[in-house]
Amino acid sequence: MNNTVLIQLTTPKTMKLIKELEELHLLRVLQKNVSQDYKLSDKYAGKLSVKVAEDLQKRIELSREQWERNI
């Protein structure tokens, strides 16, 4: 079985665990510090709870409505 996956480390402890798994020959690190340009929507997808995201969307819509109204 030879599957390759791209993972994003979320804490410093994660790399230590990855190294331990590599020492146990359970996986192999192919490349470190791969930097890719992500769209912000992809980078932060799933970071907000649904409730917070809905509230934020409502505030954005209200702000746009206020901006577009004629005074």
Protein backbone atom coordinates (compact mmCIF):
# COMPACT_ATOMS: atom_id res chain seq x y z
CA MET A 1 0.00 0.00 0.00
CA ASN A 2 1.53 3.28 -1.09
CA ASN A 3 -0.81 6.23 -0.48
CA THR A 4 0.40 9.79 -0.20
CA VAL A 5 -1.47 12.44 1.79
CA LEU A 6 -0.80 16.09 2.53
CA ILE A 7 -1.35 17.09 6.16
CA GLN A 8 -1.15 20.39 7.98
CA LEU A 9 0.41 20.31 11.45
CA THR A 10 -1.60 22.25 13.98
CA THR A 11 0.71 22.13 17.01
CA PRO A 12 4.46 21.78 17.58
CA LYS A 13 3.86 18.42 19.29
CA THR A 14 2.49 17.03 16.06
CA MET A 15 5.88 16.99 14.34
CA LYS A 16 7.32 15.06 17.27
CA LEU A 17 4.63 12.41 16.82
CA ILE A 18 5.27 12.29 13.07
CA LYS A 19 8.98 11.71 13.71
CA GLU A 20 8.18 8.91 16.16
CA LEU A 21 5.92 7.23 13.59
CA GLU A 22 8.70 7.53 11.04
CA GLU A 23 11.17 5.89 13.44
CA LEU A 24 8.71 3.01 13.85
CA HIS A 25 8.62 2.67 10.05
CA LEU A 26 4.89 3.36 10.02
CA LEU A 27 5.26 6.28 7.64
CA ARG A 28 7.87 8.23 5.75
CA VAL A 29 8.19 12.02 5.59
CA LEU A 30 8.75 12.91 1.95
CA GLN A 31 9.13 16.67 2.19
CA LYS A 32 9.12 19.14 5.05
CA ASN A 33 7.90 22.73 5.11
CA VAL A 34 5.93 22.62 1.90
CA SER A 35 4.54 26.09 1.40
CA GLN A 36 1.55 26.55 -0.85
CA ASP A 37 -0.52 29.59 -1.59
CA TYR A 38 -4.02 28.91 -0.33
CA LYS A 39 -7.10 30.97 -0.80
CA LEU A 40 -8.17 32.36 2.56
CA SER A 41 -11.49 30.56 2.23
CA ASP A 42 -9.64 27.24 1.93
CA LYS A 43 -7.16 28.06 4.68
CA TYR A 44 -9.82 28.92 7.24
CA ALA A 45 -12.57 26.52 6.14
CA GLY A 46 -14.17 24.91 9.17
CA LYS A 47 -12.44 27.17 11.71
CA LEU A 48 -15.64 28.90 12.85
CA SER A 49 -18.63 27.24 14.40
CA VAL A 50 -21.80 27.32 12.32
CA LYS A 51 -23.44 29.75 14.77
CA VAL A 52 -20.53 32.20 14.66
CA ALA A 53 -20.33 31.96 10.87
CA GLU A 54 -24.07 32.64 10.50
CA ASP A 55 -23.86 35.66 12.83
CA LEU A 56 -20.88 37.00 10.93
CA GLN A 57 -22.68 36.55 7.60
CA LYS A 58 -25.73 38.45 8.93
CA ARG A 59 -23.51 41.33 10.05
CA ILE A 60 -21.82 41.46 6.65
CA GLU A 61 -25.18 41.53 4.87
CA LEU A 62 -26.45 44.30 7.17
CA SER A 63 -23.28 46.30 6.57
CA ARG A 64 -23.71 45.96 2.80
CA GLU A 65 -27.35 47.04 3.01
CA GLN A 66 -26.38 50.14 4.99
CA TRP A 67 -23.63 50.95 2.52
CA GLU A 68 -25.96 50.69 -0.49
CA ARG A 69 -28.92 52.68 0.88
CA ASN A 70 -29.46 56.25 -0.30
CA ILE A 71 -29.20 58.89 2.36
